[in-house]
Amino acid sequence: MSDHPKASAPEADGFFRLAETDHKFGLHWRSGSLKYKDFKLLSEGGIAKLYSAFDENLRRTVVYKTLHDHLREDEIETQRFLREARVTANIAHPGTVPLYELGRDRDGNLFFTMKHVRGRDLSSIIDALGAGDSAVCDAFPLPVLVDILIRACETIAHAHSRGVIHRDLKPANILTGQFGVTYVIDWGLAKVWGEPDIAHPEMGHDEDPALTPVGRRYGTPFYMAPELARGDAHIDGRADVFSLGLILYEILTYQRLINGETTQEVVDNLLKKTFPKPSEAAPDNDIPAALEAICLRALEKNAKDRYPDVVSMFEALGELRGQ
């Protein structure tokens, strides 16, 4: 979500102008999707498209998300889309992107709008660090990366307190914006405690494990907990603890822990292989032993051996930061 809006938007250069803030509000004002203009594609995945758009009523640029046309009648993806919007709206927190509106356009297509975040995702930061980008290395030393993870943990802990498990945590779903703000995004696969899950067809074993597949009941295979990979009936917040451990592993090593060419290979590696320690995978990274210990506890394959909850994990990270 880092593209800049067109110059016609009042905040394009970061400043507001009276000509826009005091813009006359017509008697015949526009509502719903009709009030958005200047659409510019920001990103496009297998399920949805994100645009920047200008809200003519409030005179601000927003992000406008909608399903691909061929999925507009898909019951599962429609349910997931609605869940993402409503969960995001109802667990409002400084670490979730403010959601503004849910509706349908003139053709009946679902959409929702949210804050336009100017920043970058943790995945791109880690990739740049691994490539030795000097500017990124200077901007994101290890303490800054740990702070980003702590803020993500706080957001997830808040969601858990509201009865919501994310289930698709990965570096690409953690955004860091201006002035140190960190957001956790993409709540479309969230599990709401005590509520029936959305029924999903089984996924083929040869699908691309880098993606969150259409119709999947859990998240991206590279970042899912063992209990999700097994399809266990009971899932709790410790599944998110495991995913946060995987993210911490990447922060420490600049490498993904779980690999494989197919989903079945990824699952086999997750369930059957012994994980290397971060210091073994990246011996040149000068990884603090205490951080490695936190990472390894979060990555215990048996959920009972992990941190009991995300609060315990971010408290351990916070204590380390204070030392």
Protein backbone atom coordinates (compact mmCIF):
# COMPACT_ATOMS: atom_id res chain seq x y z
CA MET A 1 0.00 0.00 0.00
CA SER A 2 2.90 2.34 -0.56
CA ASP A 3 1.91 3.89 -3.90
CA HIS A 4 1.26 7.60 -3.77
CA PRO A 5 -2.18 8.86 -4.82
CA LYS A 6 -2.63 11.09 -7.83
CA ALA A 7 -1.80 14.73 -7.46
CA SER A 8 -5.49 15.59 -7.47
CA ALA A 9 -5.80 14.22 -3.95
CA PRO A 10 -5.31 17.04 -1.38
CA GLU A 11 -2.85 15.10 0.77
CA ALA A 12 -0.69 13.92 -2.16
CA ASP A 13 2.22 16.01 -0.92
CA GLY A 14 1.44 15.47 2.77
CA PHE A 15 -0.31 18.80 3.37
CA PHE A 16 -3.97 19.77 3.59
CA ARG A 17 -5.36 22.93 2.02
CA LEU A 18 -8.35 25.01 2.97
CA ALA A 19 -9.62 24.65 -0.60
CA GLU A 20 -10.09 20.97 0.18
CA THR A 21 -10.95 20.93 3.90
CA ASP A 22 -13.58 23.64 3.30
CA HIS A 23 -14.73 22.16 0.01
CA LYS A 24 -18.46 22.77 -0.49
CA PHE A 25 -20.63 19.75 0.36
CA GLY A 26 -23.38 19.64 -2.25
CA LEU A 27 -27.04 19.13 -1.47
CA HIS A 28 -27.07 16.16 -3.84
CA TRP A 29 -24.07 14.39 -2.34
CA ARG A 30 -22.86 10.96 -3.34
CA SER A 31 -22.94 7.92 -1.06
CA GLY A 32 -21.62 4.38 -1.15
CA SER A 33 -19.23 3.43 -3.93
CA LEU A 34 -20.30 6.45 -5.98
CA LYS A 35 -18.28 8.81 -3.82
CA TYR A 36 -14.95 7.22 -4.80
CA LYS A 37 -12.93 8.25 -7.85
CA ASP A 38 -9.35 8.23 -9.17
CA PHE A 39 -8.94 4.48 -8.76
CA LYS A 40 -5.37 3.22 -9.05
CA LEU A 41 -4.45 -0.45 -8.72
CA LEU A 42 -2.11 -1.05 -5.76
CA SER A 43 -1.92 -4.85 -5.67
CA GLU A 44 -3.72 -7.89 -7.01
CA GLY A 45 -3.79 -11.39 -5.53
CA GLY A 46 -5.62 -14.55 -6.38
CA ILE A 47 -8.72 -13.50 -4.47
CA ALA A 48 -8.98 -9.71 -4.30
CA LYS A 49 -7.73 -6.44 -5.73
CA LEU A 50 -6.68 -3.34 -3.79
CA TYR A 51 -6.93 0.16 -5.20
CA SER A 52 -6.17 3.59 -3.91
CA ALA A 53 -9.27 5.76 -4.36
CA PHE A 54 -10.25 9.31 -3.51
CA ASP A 55 -13.25 9.84 -1.20
CA GLU A 56 -14.96 12.96 -2.58
CA ASN A 57 -16.96 13.58 0.59
CA LEU A 58 -14.14 13.48 3.14
CA ARG A 59 -11.50 14.60 0.59
CA ARG A 60 -9.03 11.87 1.45
CA THR A 61 -7.36 8.91 -0.22
CA VAL A 62 -8.39 5.46 1.00
CA VAL A 63 -7.69 1.85 0.06
CA TYR A 64 -10.58 0.16 -1.72
CA LYS A 65 -10.67 -3.66 -1.68
CA THR A 66 -12.92 -5.86 -3.78
CA LEU A 67 -13.11 -9.50 -4.87
CA HIS A 68 -12.14 -10.56 -8.38
CA ASP A 69 -15.15 -10.62 -10.69
CA HIS A 70 -15.09 -14.41 -11.07
CA LEU A 71 -15.41 -14.81 -7.27
CA ARG A 72 -18.34 -12.44 -6.73
CA GLU A 73 -20.77 -15.38 -6.49
CA ASP A 74 -18.36 -17.69 -4.65
CA GLU A 75 -19.97 -18.40 -1.28
CA ILE A 76 -16.75 -19.25 0.54
CA GLU A 77 -14.75 -16.26 -0.65
CA THR A 78 -17.71 -13.95 -0.09
CA GLN A 79 -17.95 -15.19 3.51
CA ARG A 80 -14.21 -14.74 3.99
CA PHE A 81 -14.33 -11.23 2.54
CA LEU A 82 -17.16 -10.24 4.87
CA ARG A 83 -15.36 -11.86 7.81
CA GLU A 84 -12.19 -9.91 7.09
CA ALA A 85 -14.09 -6.61 7.01
CA ARG A 86 -16.18 -7.26 10.11
CA VAL A 87 -13.40 -8.79 12.20
CA THR A 88 -11.09 -5.88 11.33
CA ALA A 89 -13.80 -3.40 12.24
CA ASN A 90 -14.72 -5.10 15.51
CA ILE A 91 -11.23 -5.67 16.92
CA ALA A 92 -10.23 -2.05 16.29
CA HIS A 93 -6.80 -1.43 17.80
CA PRO A 94 -3.83 0.85 17.02
CA GLY A 95 -2.27 -2.19 15.32
CA THR A 96 -5.18 -2.87 12.95
CA VAL A 97 -5.87 -0.79 9.87
CA PRO A 98 -8.98 1.38 10.45
CA LEU A 99 -11.84 0.17 8.30
CA TYR A 100 -14.18 2.85 6.98
CA GLU A 101 -17.00 1.26 5.00
CA LEU A 102 -18.45 -2.04 3.78
CA GLY A 103 -20.84 -2.03 0.84
CA ARG A 104 -21.64 -3.00 -2.73
CA ASP A 105 -20.94 -1.05 -5.89
CA ARG A 106 -23.56 -0.30 -8.55
CA ASP A 107 -22.98 -3.77 -10.06
CA GLY A 108 -23.50 -5.53 -6.75
CA ASN A 109 -19.83 -6.31 -6.09
CA LEU A 110 -18.74 -6.29 -2.45
CA PHE A 111 -16.14 -3.76 -1.39
CA PHE A 112 -14.70 -2.28 1.75
CA THR A 113 -12.51 0.74 2.31
CA MET A 114 -9.78 1.33 4.86
CA LYS A 115 -6.96 3.66 5.81
CA HIS A 116 -4.29 4.21 3.18
CA VAL A 117 -1.10 3.08 4.96
CA ARG A 118 2.15 4.39 3.58
CA GLY A 119 4.87 1.97 4.53
CA ARG A 120 6.26 -1.44 3.71
CA ASP A 121 5.68 -5.01 4.77
CA LEU A 122 8.07 -6.99 6.91
CA SER A 123 8.63 -9.54 4.12
CA SER A 124 10.15 -6.93 1.80
CA ILE A 125 12.28 -5.61 4.65
CA ILE A 126 13.66 -9.07 5.45
CA ASP A 127 14.36 -9.73 1.75
CA ALA A 128 16.30 -6.46 1.52
CA LEU A 129 18.25 -7.28 4.67
CA GLY A 130 19.16 -10.67 3.25
CA ALA A 131 20.36 -8.98 0.07
CA GLY A 132 22.57 -6.65 2.10
CA ASP A 133 20.73 -3.43 1.21
CA SER A 134 22.74 -0.87 3.20
CA ALA A 135 19.89 1.66 3.53
CA VAL A 136 17.51 -0.99 4.87
CA CYS A 137 20.22 -2.39 7.17
CA ASP A 138 20.68 1.09 8.63
CA ALA A 139 16.94 1.71 8.98
CA PHE A 140 16.05 -1.71 10.41
CA PRO A 141 18.70 -3.01 12.82
CA LEU A 142 17.69 -5.97 15.00
CA PRO A 143 16.26 -3.87 17.89
CA VAL A 144 13.91 -2.10 15.45
CA LEU A 145 12.78 -5.41 13.98
CA VAL A 146 12.12 -6.80 17.45
CA ASP A 147 10.07 -3.69 18.27
CA ILE A 148 7.98 -4.30 15.14
CA LEU A 149 7.40 -7.89 16.24
CA ILE A 150 6.47 -6.79 19.77
CA ARG A 151 3.85 -4.39 18.39
CA ALA A 152 2.48 -7.18 16.17
CA CYS A 153 2.31 -9.45 19.24
CA GLU A 154 0.37 -6.78 21.14
CA THR A 155 -2.15 -6.55 18.31
CA ILE A 156 -2.57 -10.33 18.17
CA ALA A 157 -2.91 -10.49 21.95
CA HIS A 158 -5.70 -7.90 21.72
CA ALA A 159 -7.43 -9.96 19.02
CA HIS A 160 -7.16 -13.07 21.19
CA SER A 161 -8.75 -11.16 24.07
CA ARG A 162 -11.70 -10.57 21.73
CA GLY A 163 -11.88 -14.27 20.82
CA VAL A 164 -10.20 -14.02 17.41
CA ILE A 165 -7.22 -16.09 16.14
CA HIS A 166 -5.53 -14.72 13.02
CA ARG A 167 -4.29 -18.04 11.47
CA ASP A 168 -2.44 -16.41 8.56
CA LEU A 169 0.39 -14.55 10.25
CA LYS A 170 3.45 -14.05 8.05
CA PRO A 171 5.92 -11.22 7.33
CA ALA A 172 3.84 -10.04 4.36
CA ASN A 173 0.89 -9.44 6.72
CA ILE A 174 2.83 -7.12 9.03
CA LEU A 175 3.13 -3.53 7.80
CA THR A 176 5.33 -0.86 9.29
CA GLY A 177 4.30 2.66 8.46
CA GLN A 178 5.37 6.21 9.17
CA PHE A 179 6.39 7.19 12.70
CA GLY A 180 6.93 3.59 13.82
CA VAL A 181 3.32 2.44 13.46
CA THR A 182 2.92 -1.32 12.91
CA TYR A 183 -0.21 -2.97 11.53
CA VAL A 184 -1.33 -6.61 11.32
CA ILE A 185 -3.45 -7.07 8.21
CA ASP A 186 -5.47 -9.69 6.32
CA TRP A 187 -7.96 -11.18 8.79
CA GLY A 188 -9.86 -13.17 6.16
CA LEU A 189 -8.89 -16.53 7.66
CA ALA A 190 -9.52 -15.50 11.25
CA LYS A 191 -11.04 -18.07 13.59
CA VAL A 192 -13.67 -16.79 15.98
CA TRP A 193 -13.78 -18.88 19.14
CA GLY A 194 -17.05 -20.65 19.76
CA GLU A 195 -18.30 -20.07 16.22
CA PRO A 196 -18.49 -22.65 13.40
CA ASP A 197 -15.76 -22.33 10.81
CA ILE A 198 -16.42 -21.60 7.17
CA ALA A 199 -16.69 -24.94 5.35
CA HIS A 200 -13.84 -25.36 2.90
CA PRO A 201 -13.00 -28.05 0.37
CA GLU A 202 -9.76 -29.91 0.91
CA MET A 203 -6.68 -28.49 -0.78
CA GLY A 204 -4.63 -30.49 -3.25
CA HIS A 205 -1.15 -31.55 -2.18
CA ASP A 206 0.52 -30.06 -5.27
CA GLU A 207 -0.63 -26.47 -4.79
CA ASP A 208 1.83 -23.62 -4.49
CA PRO A 209 2.70 -23.42 -0.78
CA ALA A 210 3.70 -19.76 -1.05
CA LEU A 211 0.05 -18.77 -1.48
CA THR A 212 -2.97 -18.65 0.77
CA PRO A 213 -5.11 -20.87 -1.48
CA VAL A 214 -8.68 -20.12 -2.46
CA GLY A 215 -10.99 -22.12 -0.20
CA ARG A 216 -8.30 -22.88 2.36
CA ARG A 217 -9.37 -23.34 5.98
CA TYR A 218 -6.06 -22.07 7.31
CA GLY A 219 -3.16 -19.90 6.28
CA THR A 220 -0.12 -19.94 4.06
CA PRO A 221 1.59 -23.36 4.41
CA PHE A 222 5.07 -21.89 5.00
CA TYR A 223 3.76 -20.17 8.15
CA MET A 224 1.15 -22.49 9.62
CA ALA A 225 1.39 -24.28 12.94
CA PRO A 226 1.61 -28.09 13.06
CA GLU A 227 -1.92 -28.38 14.46
CA LEU A 228 -3.23 -26.47 11.44
CA ALA A 229 -1.25 -28.67 9.07
CA ARG A 230 -2.73 -31.78 10.71
CA GLY A 231 -6.23 -30.35 10.60
CA ASP A 232 -6.72 -30.69 14.37
CA ALA A 233 -10.25 -29.93 15.53
CA HIS A 234 -9.16 -27.75 18.46
CA ILE A 235 -7.12 -24.66 17.60
CA ASP A 236 -6.26 -21.90 20.05
CA GLY A 237 -4.02 -18.85 20.26
CA ARG A 238 -0.87 -20.97 20.40
CA ALA A 239 -1.22 -21.47 16.63
CA ASP A 240 -0.51 -17.75 16.25
CA VAL A 241 2.38 -18.07 18.73
CA PHE A 242 4.00 -20.61 16.37
CA SER A 243 3.58 -18.30 13.37
CA LEU A 244 5.12 -15.43 15.33
CA GLY A 245 8.02 -17.75 16.12
CA LEU A 246 8.48 -18.36 12.40
CA ILE A 247 8.49 -14.61 11.80
CA LEU A 248 11.09 -14.12 14.55
CA TYR A 249 13.20 -16.86 12.95
CA GLU A 250 13.22 -14.87 9.68
CA ILE A 251 14.07 -11.66 11.51
CA LEU A 252 17.09 -13.40 13.04
CA THR A 253 18.29 -15.34 10.00
CA TYR A 254 16.78 -13.60 6.93
CA GLN A 255 15.72 -17.11 5.90
CA ARG A 256 12.42 -18.97 5.89
CA LEU A 257 12.42 -21.96 8.24
CA ILE A 258 9.92 -24.20 6.44
CA ASN A 259 10.50 -24.95 2.76
CA GLY A 260 9.22 -27.24 0.01
CA GLU A 261 8.12 -27.25 -3.61
CA THR A 262 4.59 -28.51 -2.92
CA THR A 263 2.21 -28.17 -0.02
CA GLN A 264 2.64 -31.84 0.91
CA GLU A 265 6.42 -31.41 1.00
CA VAL A 266 6.05 -28.33 3.19
CA VAL A 267 3.74 -30.20 5.58
CA ASP A 268 6.13 -33.15 5.76
CA ASN A 269 9.06 -30.84 6.52
CA LEU A 270 7.01 -29.04 9.17
CA LEU A 271 5.83 -32.17 10.95
CA LYS A 272 8.77 -34.54 10.55
CA LYS A 273 12.03 -32.60 10.28
CA THR A 274 14.08 -31.22 13.16
CA PHE A 275 14.34 -27.43 13.03
CA PRO A 276 17.84 -25.92 12.96
CA LYS A 277 18.55 -23.21 15.53
CA PRO A 278 18.71 -19.67 14.11
CA SER A 279 22.41 -19.48 15.08
CA GLU A 280 23.05 -22.67 13.09
CA ALA A 281 21.19 -21.40 10.02
CA ALA A 282 22.85 -17.96 10.09
CA PRO A 283 26.13 -18.22 12.04
CA ASP A 284 27.34 -14.83 10.77
CA ASN A 285 24.33 -12.88 12.09
CA ASP A 286 25.49 -12.53 15.72
CA ILE A 287 22.13 -13.72 17.09
CA PRO A 288 21.60 -13.03 20.82
CA ALA A 289 21.15 -16.27 22.77
CA ALA A 290 18.14 -14.91 24.66
CA LEU A 291 16.32 -14.02 21.43
CA GLU A 292 17.12 -17.45 20.03
CA ALA A 293 15.64 -19.06 23.15
CA ILE A 294 12.40 -17.11 22.73
CA CYS A 295 12.24 -18.13 19.08
CA LEU A 296 12.79 -21.80 19.82
CA ARG A 297 10.16 -21.91 22.55
CA ALA A 298 7.59 -20.32 20.24
CA LEU A 299 8.48 -22.94 17.60
CA GLU A 300 7.88 -26.01 19.73
CA LYS A 301 5.90 -28.48 17.62
CA ASN A 302 3.78 -29.53 20.59
CA ALA A 303 1.56 -26.57 21.46
CA LYS A 304 1.80 -27.44 25.18
CA ASP A 305 5.54 -26.68 25.08
CA ARG A 306 5.17 -23.21 23.54
CA TYR A 307 4.38 -19.97 25.28
CA PRO A 308 0.88 -20.45 26.69
CA ASP A 309 -0.30 -17.28 24.97
CA VAL A 310 0.96 -14.36 22.89
CA VAL A 311 1.05 -12.11 25.97
CA SER A 312 3.74 -14.34 27.49
CA MET A 313 5.76 -14.16 24.29
CA PHE A 314 5.70 -10.39 23.93
CA GLU A 315 6.44 -9.98 27.64
CA ALA A 316 9.56 -12.12 27.16
CA LEU A 317 10.55 -9.98 24.17
CA GLY A 318 9.84 -6.81 26.16
CA GLU A 319 11.99 -7.94 29.06
CA LEU A 320 14.84 -8.61 26.66
CA ARG A 321 14.43 -5.18 25.09
CA GLY A 322 14.69 -3.57 28.52
CA GLN A 323 17.99 -5.23 29.33
